[in-house]
Amino acid sequence: MKVVQAIRSAVFYFLFIGQTAIVAITIGTIALITGGRTAFSWSFAKYWCRSNLFMLRWIAGVDTIVTGEENIPAGGCIIASKHQSDWDVFSIFPHTGRPAYIVKKELMRIPFFGWAARSLDCIEVDRKKGAEAVPAMMRQAHAAVERGCRIVIFPEGTRKAPLAAPDYRQGIARLYAELNVPVVPVALNSGLFWGRNSLVIWPGIARARFLPAIEAGLAPDVFMDRLKKAIEGDSNDLILDAAAEGLSRPVDPTFAAKLDALKLSRAAGQ
């Protein structure tokens, strides 16, 4: 099983990386010529997302189910998502209207890819500068909201393994206070199938769930508490549901222990 799935994964990666390069070069070149976003580049970006999900399903065996889109309010908002896999980026994208993803500076410096990302409203953040990077990010975020974008951020800043201890950064709280818009939490379980350090992609149903929006205007500590509880609680529920359905991936003792502990806490009503 593992050998077969490794081959399927290798085929997916070959097509995924090749297609991503073609899309980045095309949209990046259009951005250089036109100076920004066009209807074609936007359509091509949506094609990239949908085709990746198609290839994941038919080559690697990963189905995608995204629910809760009705929880996204009209107008400006922040979409704050758990981050476990590259799947998260292109599974959420088609449901967000006109998204402005917050992207680390290093990615924005890649030729063609960075030009394409900037033309598609991505917001650059220099994580090495820490708090000094926040004012520049805020200026870009305000401009994006004024263009009609919804800000998309991964509050932990990087991919986390399923059931890993959460590590939420303060950037999301600063954005929430500065923009004064609702925040839509997003729970998911994609890391069960496409892990951050795994070259093998395992079959199953990757799920993402847009949760009810957190209203604007809360105190920062109250907001962060609600955000963490929403994202972590529902992400854990999605992981438990997937485990109950049966996982095709190998389960190491550390993850199995965490899963058992989560089952016990749920059974105890915690």
C-alpha atoms as a PDB file:
ATOM      1  CA  MET A   1       0.000   0.000   0.000  1.00  0.00           C
ATOM      2  CA  LYS A   2       2.718   2.470   0.961  1.00  0.00           C
ATOM      3  CA  VAL A   3       4.714   1.838  -2.228  1.00  0.00           C
ATOM      4  CA  VAL A   4       1.634   2.303  -4.410  1.00  0.00           C
ATOM      5  CA  GLN A   5       0.656   5.466  -2.572  1.00  0.00           C
ATOM      6  CA  ALA A   6       4.206   6.798  -2.809  1.00  0.00           C
ATOM      7  CA  ILE A   7       4.055   6.373  -6.592  1.00  0.00           C
ATOM      8  CA  ARG A   8       0.663   8.083  -6.767  1.00  0.00           C
ATOM      9  CA  SER A   9       2.007  10.906  -4.619  1.00  0.00           C
ATOM     10  CA  ALA A  10       5.079  11.305  -6.831  1.00  0.00           C
ATOM     11  CA  VAL A  11       2.876  11.605  -9.925  1.00  0.00           C
ATOM     12  CA  PHE A  12       0.753  14.231  -8.188  1.00  0.00           C
ATOM     13  CA  TYR A  13       3.788  16.245  -7.053  1.00  0.00           C
ATOM     14  CA  PHE A  14       5.246  16.175 -10.582  1.00  0.00           C
ATOM     15  CA  LEU A  15       2.051  17.556 -12.095  1.00  0.00           C
ATOM     16  CA  PHE A  16       1.359  19.934  -9.193  1.00  0.00           C
ATOM     17  CA  ILE A  17       4.820  21.523  -9.246  1.00  0.00           C
ATOM     18  CA  GLY A  18       4.922  21.692 -13.040  1.00  0.00           C
ATOM     19  CA  GLN A  19       1.480  23.247 -13.279  1.00  0.00           C
ATOM     20  CA  THR A  20       2.240  25.708 -10.483  1.00  0.00           C
ATOM     21  CA  ALA A  21       5.364  26.872 -12.331  1.00  0.00           C
ATOM     22  CA  ILE A  22       3.392  27.387 -15.559  1.00  0.00           C
ATOM     23  CA  VAL A  23       0.620  29.290 -13.779  1.00  0.00           C
ATOM     24  CA  ALA A  24       3.105  31.470 -11.879  1.00  0.00           C
ATOM     25  CA  ILE A  25       5.093  32.312 -15.011  1.00  0.00           C
ATOM     26  CA  THR A  26       1.936  33.125 -16.964  1.00  0.00           C
ATOM     27  CA  ILE A  27       0.272  35.294 -14.313  1.00  0.00           C
ATOM     28  CA  GLY A  28       3.599  36.875 -13.337  1.00  0.00           C
ATOM     29  CA  THR A  29       4.303  37.835 -16.935  1.00  0.00           C
ATOM     30  CA  ILE A  30       0.803  39.284 -17.320  1.00  0.00           C
ATOM     31  CA  ALA A  31       1.348  41.305 -14.139  1.00  0.00           C
ATOM     32  CA  LEU A  32       4.623  42.711 -15.486  1.00  0.00           C
ATOM     33  CA  ILE A  33       2.980  43.728 -18.755  1.00  0.00           C
ATOM     34  CA  THR A  34      -0.304  45.085 -17.425  1.00  0.00           C
ATOM     35  CA  GLY A  35       0.858  46.276 -14.029  1.00  0.00           C
ATOM     36  CA  GLY A  36      -1.644  44.240 -12.052  1.00  0.00           C
ATOM     37  CA  ARG A  37      -4.587  41.889 -11.980  1.00  0.00           C
ATOM     38  CA  THR A  38      -6.650  40.966 -15.048  1.00  0.00           C
ATOM     39  CA  ALA A  39      -9.785  38.895 -15.569  1.00  0.00           C
ATOM     40  CA  PHE A  40      -7.688  36.218 -17.268  1.00  0.00           C
ATOM     41  CA  SER A  41      -5.108  36.006 -14.465  1.00  0.00           C
ATOM     42  CA  TRP A  42      -7.897  35.729 -11.899  1.00  0.00           C
ATOM     43  CA  SER A  43      -9.616  32.956 -13.878  1.00  0.00           C
ATOM     44  CA  PHE A  44      -6.281  31.165 -14.294  1.00  0.00           C
ATOM     45  CA  ALA A  45      -5.687  31.309 -10.526  1.00  0.00           C
ATOM     46  CA  LYS A  46      -9.105  29.755  -9.885  1.00  0.00           C
ATOM     47  CA  TYR A  47      -8.326  27.075 -12.464  1.00  0.00           C
ATOM     48  CA  TRP A  48      -5.091  26.303 -10.563  1.00  0.00           C
ATOM     49  CA  CYS A  49      -7.040  25.748  -7.349  1.00  0.00           C
ATOM     50  CA  ARG A  50      -9.729  23.558  -8.881  1.00  0.00           C
ATOM     51  CA  SER A  51      -7.310  21.508 -10.963  1.00  0.00           C
ATOM     52  CA  ASN A  52      -5.125  20.816  -7.916  1.00  0.00           C
ATOM     53  CA  LEU A  53      -8.149  19.486  -6.050  1.00  0.00           C
ATOM     54  CA  PHE A  54      -9.095  17.403  -9.095  1.00  0.00           C
ATOM     55  CA  MET A  55      -5.590  15.891  -9.300  1.00  0.00           C
ATOM     56  CA  LEU A  56      -5.526  15.213  -5.576  1.00  0.00           C
ATOM     57  CA  ARG A  57      -8.758  13.284  -5.876  1.00  0.00           C
ATOM     58  CA  TRP A  58      -8.045  11.243  -8.983  1.00  0.00           C
ATOM     59  CA  ILE A  59      -4.303  10.693  -8.555  1.00  0.00           C
ATOM     60  CA  ALA A  60      -3.673  10.659  -4.799  1.00  0.00           C
ATOM     61  CA  GLY A  61      -7.157   9.665  -3.603  1.00  0.00           C
ATOM     62  CA  VAL A  62      -7.875  12.741  -1.463  1.00  0.00           C
ATOM     63  CA  ASP A  63     -11.431  14.038  -1.708  1.00  0.00           C
ATOM     64  CA  THR A  64     -12.288  17.575  -0.614  1.00  0.00           C
ATOM     65  CA  ILE A  65     -15.339  18.768   1.306  1.00  0.00           C
ATOM     66  CA  VAL A  66     -15.664  22.429   2.319  1.00  0.00           C
ATOM     67  CA  THR A  67     -18.705  23.535   4.326  1.00  0.00           C
ATOM     68  CA  GLY A  68     -19.994  26.580   6.163  1.00  0.00           C
ATOM     69  CA  GLU A  69     -19.595  29.107   3.366  1.00  0.00           C
ATOM     70  CA  GLU A  70     -22.847  30.701   4.545  1.00  0.00           C
ATOM     71  CA  ASN A  71     -20.949  31.907   7.629  1.00  0.00           C
ATOM     72  CA  ILE A  72     -18.839  34.313   5.552  1.00  0.00           C
ATOM     73  CA  PRO A  73     -20.439  37.765   5.929  1.00  0.00           C
ATOM     74  CA  ALA A  74     -20.952  40.119   3.018  1.00  0.00           C
ATOM     75  CA  GLY A  75     -18.348  42.841   2.783  1.00  0.00           C
ATOM     76  CA  GLY A  76     -14.954  43.060   4.410  1.00  0.00           C
ATOM     77  CA  CYS A  77     -13.817  40.418   6.874  1.00  0.00           C
ATOM     78  CA  ILE A  78     -10.811  38.389   7.963  1.00  0.00           C
ATOM     79  CA  ILE A  79     -10.722  34.652   7.311  1.00  0.00           C
ATOM     80  CA  ALA A  80      -8.485  32.975   9.895  1.00  0.00           C
ATOM     81  CA  SER A  81      -7.685  29.370   9.092  1.00  0.00           C
ATOM     82  CA  LYS A  82      -5.919  26.470  10.731  1.00  0.00           C
ATOM     83  CA  HIS A  83      -2.882  25.524   8.627  1.00  0.00           C
ATOM     84  CA  GLN A  84      -1.795  21.899   8.281  1.00  0.00           C
ATOM     85  CA  SER A  85      -1.086  21.450   4.565  1.00  0.00           C
ATOM     86  CA  ASP A  86      -0.676  23.139   1.179  1.00  0.00           C
ATOM     87  CA  TRP A  87      -4.210  21.867   0.560  1.00  0.00           C
ATOM     88  CA  ASP A  88      -5.510  24.623   2.827  1.00  0.00           C
ATOM     89  CA  VAL A  89      -4.473  27.360   0.398  1.00  0.00           C
ATOM     90  CA  PHE A  90      -6.283  26.169  -2.695  1.00  0.00           C
ATOM     91  CA  SER A  91      -9.267  24.506  -0.994  1.00  0.00           C
ATOM     92  CA  ILE A  92     -10.295  27.750   0.752  1.00  0.00           C
ATOM     93  CA  PHE A  93      -9.518  30.079  -2.157  1.00  0.00           C
ATOM     94  CA  PRO A  94     -12.614  29.420  -4.325  1.00  0.00           C
ATOM     95  CA  HIS A  95     -14.967  30.193  -1.420  1.00  0.00           C
ATOM     96  CA  THR A  96     -13.568  33.555  -0.337  1.00  0.00           C
ATOM     97  CA  GLY A  97     -14.745  35.965  -3.024  1.00  0.00           C
ATOM     98  CA  ARG A  98     -11.685  38.121  -3.663  1.00  0.00           C
ATOM     99  CA  PRO A  99      -9.091  36.901  -1.146  1.00  0.00           C
ATOM    100  CA  ALA A 100      -5.933  38.707  -0.077  1.00  0.00           C
ATOM    101  CA  TYR A 101      -3.634  36.094   1.439  1.00  0.00           C
ATOM    102  CA  ILE A 102      -0.983  37.169   3.914  1.00  0.00           C
ATOM    103  CA  VAL A 103       2.255  35.671   2.572  1.00  0.00           C
ATOM    104  CA  LYS A 104       5.770  35.619   3.975  1.00  0.00           C
ATOM    105  CA  LYS A 105       8.282  37.922   2.288  1.00  0.00           C
ATOM    106  CA  GLU A 106      10.517  35.092   1.072  1.00  0.00           C
ATOM    107  CA  LEU A 107       7.782  33.748  -1.222  1.00  0.00           C
ATOM    108  CA  MET A 108       7.074  37.192  -2.626  1.00  0.00           C
ATOM    109  CA  ARG A 109      10.718  37.496  -3.700  1.00  0.00           C
ATOM    110  CA  ILE A 110      10.560  34.443  -5.994  1.00  0.00           C
ATOM    111  CA  PRO A 111      10.576  35.625  -9.655  1.00  0.00           C
ATOM    112  CA  PHE A 112       7.214  35.217 -11.399  1.00  0.00           C
ATOM    113  CA  PHE A 113       5.606  33.612  -8.329  1.00  0.00           C
ATOM    114  CA  GLY A 114       5.989  36.799  -6.307  1.00  0.00           C
ATOM    115  CA  TRP A 115       4.844  38.983  -9.188  1.00  0.00           C
ATOM    116  CA  ALA A 116       1.802  36.767  -9.673  1.00  0.00           C
ATOM    117  CA  ALA A 117       0.989  36.732  -5.948  1.00  0.00           C
ATOM    118  CA  ARG A 118       1.234  40.525  -5.691  1.00  0.00           C
ATOM    119  CA  SER A 119      -1.091  40.972  -8.675  1.00  0.00           C
ATOM    120  CA  LEU A 120      -3.596  38.652  -6.955  1.00  0.00           C
ATOM    121  CA  ASP A 121      -3.787  40.917  -3.867  1.00  0.00           C
ATOM    122  CA  CYS A 122      -1.387  38.961  -1.634  1.00  0.00           C
ATOM    123  CA  ILE A 123      -0.070  40.906   1.357  1.00  0.00           C
ATOM    124  CA  GLU A 124       3.628  40.657   2.172  1.00  0.00           C
ATOM    125  CA  VAL A 125       4.891  40.245   5.738  1.00  0.00           C
ATOM    126  CA  ASP A 126       8.525  40.077   6.824  1.00  0.00           C
ATOM    127  CA  ARG A 127       8.415  37.684   9.781  1.00  0.00           C
ATOM    128  CA  LYS A 128      12.096  38.297  10.570  1.00  0.00           C
ATOM    129  CA  LYS A 129      11.262  41.866  11.576  1.00  0.00           C
ATOM    130  CA  GLY A 130       8.728  40.754  14.155  1.00  0.00           C
ATOM    131  CA  ALA A 131       6.617  43.649  15.443  1.00  0.00           C
ATOM    132  CA  GLU A 132       8.396  46.087  13.098  1.00  0.00           C
ATOM    133  CA  ALA A 133       6.724  44.378  10.122  1.00  0.00           C
ATOM    134  CA  VAL A 134       3.209  45.039  11.415  1.00  0.00           C
ATOM    135  CA  PRO A 135       2.735  48.671  10.200  1.00  0.00           C
ATOM    136  CA  ALA A 136       3.579  47.752   6.595  1.00  0.00           C
ATOM    137  CA  MET A 137       1.257  44.747   6.751  1.00  0.00           C
ATOM    138  CA  MET A 138      -1.540  46.947   8.102  1.00  0.00           C
ATOM    139  CA  ARG A 139      -1.172  49.452   5.270  1.00  0.00           C
ATOM    140  CA  GLN A 140      -1.449  46.665   2.716  1.00  0.00           C
ATOM    141  CA  ALA A 141      -4.407  45.134   4.560  1.00  0.00           C
ATOM    142  CA  HIS A 142      -6.320  48.425   4.627  1.00  0.00           C
ATOM    143  CA  ALA A 143      -5.715  48.882   0.908  1.00  0.00           C
ATOM    144  CA  ALA A 144      -6.872  45.324   0.196  1.00  0.00           C
ATOM    145  CA  VAL A 145     -10.109  45.784   2.160  1.00  0.00           C
ATOM    146  CA  GLU A 146     -10.752  49.037   0.282  1.00  0.00           C
ATOM    147  CA  ARG A 147     -10.408  47.069  -2.983  1.00  0.00           C
ATOM    148  CA  GLY A 148     -13.124  44.684  -1.762  1.00  0.00           C
ATOM    149  CA  CYS A 149     -10.860  41.870  -0.599  1.00  0.00           C
ATOM    150  CA  ARG A 150     -11.289  39.510   2.312  1.00  0.00           C
ATOM    151  CA  ILE A 151      -8.064  39.060   4.243  1.00  0.00           C
ATOM    152  CA  VAL A 152      -6.972  35.413   4.569  1.00  0.00           C
ATOM    153  CA  ILE A 153      -4.464  34.608   7.307  1.00  0.00           C
ATOM    154  CA  PHE A 154      -3.071  31.502   8.962  1.00  0.00           C
ATOM    155  CA  PRO A 155      -2.838  32.736  12.579  1.00  0.00           C
ATOM    156  CA  GLU A 156      -0.101  30.288  13.577  1.00  0.00           C
ATOM    157  CA  GLY A 157       2.095  31.482  10.728  1.00  0.00           C
ATOM    158  CA  THR A 158       3.147  28.040   9.542  1.00  0.00           C
ATOM    159  CA  ARG A 159       1.830  24.537   9.009  1.00  0.00           C
ATOM    160  CA  LYS A 160       1.199  22.514  12.150  1.00  0.00           C
ATOM    161  CA  ALA A 161       0.804  18.757  12.494  1.00  0.00           C
ATOM    162  CA  PRO A 162      -2.650  17.475  13.494  1.00  0.00           C
ATOM    163  CA  LEU A 163      -3.130  17.660  17.285  1.00  0.00           C
ATOM    164  CA  ALA A 164       0.109  19.626  17.731  1.00  0.00           C
ATOM    165  CA  ALA A 165       0.024  22.256  20.470  1.00  0.00           C
ATOM    166  CA  PRO A 166      -1.460  25.478  19.030  1.00  0.00           C
ATOM    167  CA  ASP A 167       0.791  28.524  18.682  1.00  0.00           C
ATOM    168  CA  TYR A 168      -1.243  31.568  17.672  1.00  0.00           C
ATOM    169  CA  ARG A 169       0.680  34.747  16.829  1.00  0.00           C
ATOM    170  CA  GLN A 170      -0.405  38.251  17.789  1.00  0.00           C
ATOM    171  CA  GLY A 171      -0.637  39.388  14.157  1.00  0.00           C
ATOM    172  CA  ILE A 172      -4.229  38.207  13.908  1.00  0.00           C
ATOM    173  CA  ALA A 173      -5.216  40.201  17.018  1.00  0.00           C
ATOM    174  CA  ARG A 174      -3.557  43.317  15.595  1.00  0.00           C
ATOM    175  CA  LEU A 175      -5.363  42.879  12.280  1.00  0.00           C
ATOM    176  CA  TYR A 176      -8.683  42.338  14.050  1.00  0.00           C
ATOM    177  CA  ALA A 177      -8.304  45.515  16.118  1.00  0.00           C
ATOM    178  CA  GLU A 178      -6.945  47.613  13.245  1.00  0.00           C
ATOM    179  CA  LEU A 179      -9.459  46.662  10.553  1.00  0.00           C
ATOM    180  CA  ASN A 180     -12.499  46.455  12.875  1.00  0.00           C
ATOM    181  CA  VAL A 181     -14.192  43.747  10.791  1.00  0.00           C
ATOM    182  CA  PRO A 182     -15.602  40.296  11.680  1.00  0.00           C
ATOM    183  CA  VAL A 183     -13.309  37.264  11.700  1.00  0.00           C
ATOM    184  CA  VAL A 184     -14.397  33.928  10.246  1.00  0.00           C
ATOM    185  CA  PRO A 185     -12.510  30.985  11.849  1.00  0.00           C
ATOM    186  CA  VAL A 186     -11.774  27.982   9.634  1.00  0.00           C
ATOM    187  CA  ALA A 187     -11.266  24.477  11.037  1.00  0.00           C
ATOM    188  CA  LEU A 188      -9.757  21.639   8.993  1.00  0.00           C
ATOM    189  CA  ASN A 189      -8.115  18.220   9.126  1.00  0.00           C
ATOM    190  CA  SER A 190      -5.987  18.207   5.958  1.00  0.00           C
ATOM    191  CA  GLY A 191      -2.771  17.266   7.763  1.00  0.00           C
ATOM    192  CA  LEU A 192      -4.125  13.753   8.266  1.00  0.00           C
ATOM    193  CA  PHE A 193      -3.783  13.164   4.538  1.00  0.00           C
ATOM    194  CA  TRP A 194      -1.110  15.592   3.305  1.00  0.00           C
ATOM    195  CA  GLY A 195       1.268  16.147   6.200  1.00  0.00           C
ATOM    196  CA  ARG A 196       3.773  18.990   6.352  1.00  0.00           C
ATOM    197  CA  ASN A 197       6.821  16.684   6.505  1.00  0.00           C
ATOM    198  CA  SER A 198       5.436  13.723   4.578  1.00  0.00           C
ATOM    199  CA  LEU A 199       6.265  13.026   0.948  1.00  0.00           C
ATOM    200  CA  VAL A 200       3.428  10.497   0.805  1.00  0.00           C
ATOM    201  CA  ILE A 201      -0.132  11.792   0.437  1.00  0.00           C
ATOM    202  CA  TRP A 202      -2.675   9.413   1.971  1.00  0.00           C
ATOM    203  CA  PRO A 203      -6.218   8.771   0.670  1.00  0.00           C
ATOM    204  CA  GLY A 204      -9.200  10.070   2.572  1.00  0.00           C
ATOM    205  CA  ILE A 205     -11.585  13.002   2.831  1.00  0.00           C
ATOM    206  CA  ALA A 206      -9.955  16.307   3.701  1.00  0.00           C
ATOM    207  CA  ARG A 207     -12.470  18.689   5.226  1.00  0.00           C
ATOM    208  CA  ALA A 208     -12.561  22.403   5.936  1.00  0.00           C
ATOM    209  CA  ARG A 209     -15.338  24.172   7.803  1.00  0.00           C
ATOM    210  CA  PHE A 210     -16.038  27.921   7.863  1.00  0.00           C
ATOM    211  CA  LEU A 211     -17.342  28.659  11.362  1.00  0.00           C
ATOM    212  CA  PRO A 212     -19.699  31.420  12.559  1.00  0.00           C
ATOM    213  CA  ALA A 213     -18.042  34.829  12.391  1.00  0.00           C
ATOM    214  CA  ILE A 214     -16.631  36.485  15.504  1.00  0.00           C
ATOM    215  CA  GLU A 215     -18.033  39.997  15.654  1.00  0.00           C
ATOM    216  CA  ALA A 216     -15.801  43.064  15.513  1.00  0.00           C
ATOM    217  CA  GLY A 217     -14.998  45.161  18.563  1.00  0.00           C
ATOM    218  CA  LEU A 218     -14.094  42.578  21.221  1.00  0.00           C
ATOM    219  CA  ALA A 219     -11.190  43.027  23.606  1.00  0.00           C
ATOM    220  CA  PRO A 220      -8.025  41.381  22.194  1.00  0.00           C
ATOM    221  CA  ASP A 221      -7.816  38.682  24.885  1.00  0.00           C
ATOM    222  CA  VAL A 222     -11.510  37.817  24.519  1.00  0.00           C
ATOM    223  CA  PHE A 223     -11.167  37.652  20.748  1.00  0.00           C
ATOM    224  CA  MET A 224      -8.071  35.416  20.852  1.00  0.00           C
ATOM    225  CA  ASP A 225      -9.722  33.053  23.315  1.00  0.00           C
ATOM    226  CA  ARG A 226     -12.809  32.682  21.135  1.00  0.00           C
ATOM    227  CA  LEU A 227     -10.735  32.251  17.987  1.00  0.00           C
ATOM    228  CA  LYS A 228      -8.534  29.516  19.459  1.00  0.00           C
ATOM    229  CA  LYS A 229     -11.455  27.624  20.969  1.00  0.00           C
ATOM    230  CA  ALA A 230     -13.398  27.742  17.701  1.00  0.00           C
ATOM    231  CA  ILE A 231     -10.561  26.674  15.403  1.00  0.00           C
ATOM    232  CA  GLU A 232      -8.974  24.100  17.705  1.00  0.00           C
ATOM    233  CA  GLY A 233     -12.252  22.628  18.925  1.00  0.00           C
ATOM    234  CA  ASP A 234     -13.748  22.103  15.474  1.00  0.00           C
ATOM    235  CA  SER A 235     -10.438  20.981  13.936  1.00  0.00           C
ATOM    236  CA  ASN A 236     -10.185  18.330  16.650  1.00  0.00           C
ATOM    237  CA  ASP A 237     -13.770  17.266  15.916  1.00  0.00           C
ATOM    238  CA  LEU A 238     -12.923  16.862  12.220  1.00  0.00           C
ATOM    239  CA  ILE A 239      -9.859  14.801  13.150  1.00  0.00           C
ATOM    240  CA  LEU A 240     -11.918  12.559  15.438  1.00  0.00           C
ATOM    241  CA  ASP A 241     -14.533  12.078  12.713  1.00  0.00           C
ATOM    242  CA  ALA A 242     -11.853  11.087  10.199  1.00  0.00           C
ATOM    243  CA  ALA A 243     -10.281   8.680  12.678  1.00  0.00           C
ATOM    244  CA  ALA A 244     -13.672   7.081  13.335  1.00  0.00           C
ATOM    245  CA  GLU A 245     -14.118   6.574   9.584  1.00  0.00           C
ATOM    246  CA  GLY A 246     -10.691   4.914   9.451  1.00  0.00           C
ATOM    247  CA  LEU A 247      -7.302   6.356   8.463  1.00  0.00           C
ATOM    248  CA  SER A 248      -5.240   4.834   5.667  1.00  0.00           C
ATOM    249  CA  ARG A 249      -2.058   6.580   6.840  1.00  0.00           C
ATOM    250  CA  PRO A 250       0.264   4.934   9.347  1.00  0.00           C
ATOM    251  CA  VAL A 251      -0.409   6.146  12.883  1.00  0.00           C
ATOM    252  CA  ASP A 252       2.727   6.534  15.005  1.00  0.00           C
ATOM    253  CA  PRO A 253       2.571   5.974  18.793  1.00  0.00           C
ATOM    254  CA  THR A 254       2.820   9.699  19.606  1.00  0.00           C
ATOM    255  CA  PHE A 255      -0.134  10.629  17.425  1.00  0.00           C
ATOM    256  CA  ALA A 256      -2.102   7.592  18.628  1.00  0.00           C
ATOM    257  CA  ALA A 257      -1.582   8.703  22.238  1.00  0.00           C
ATOM    258  CA  LYS A 258      -2.763  12.223  21.444  1.00  0.00           C
ATOM    259  CA  LEU A 259      -5.788  10.837  19.630  1.00  0.00           C
ATOM    260  CA  ASP A 260      -6.688   8.591  22.563  1.00  0.00           C
ATOM    261  CA  ALA A 261      -6.324  11.512  24.973  1.00  0.00           C
ATOM    262  CA  LEU A 262      -8.619  13.626  22.810  1.00  0.00           C
ATOM    263  CA  LYS A 263     -11.226  10.847  22.704  1.00  0.00           C
ATOM    264  CA  LEU A 264     -11.138  10.572  26.485  1.00  0.00           C
ATOM    265  CA  SER A 265     -11.506  14.320  26.973  1.00  0.00           C
ATOM    266  CA  ARG A 266     -14.460  14.406  24.597  1.00  0.00           C
ATOM    267  CA  ALA A 267     -16.064  11.439  26.380  1.00  0.00           C
ATOM    268  CA  ALA A 268     -15.614  13.290  29.661  1.00  0.00           C
ATOM    269  CA  GLY A 269     -17.306  16.349  28.184  1.00  0.00           C
ATOM    270  CA  GLN A 270     -14.242  18.567  28.362  1.00  0.00           C
END
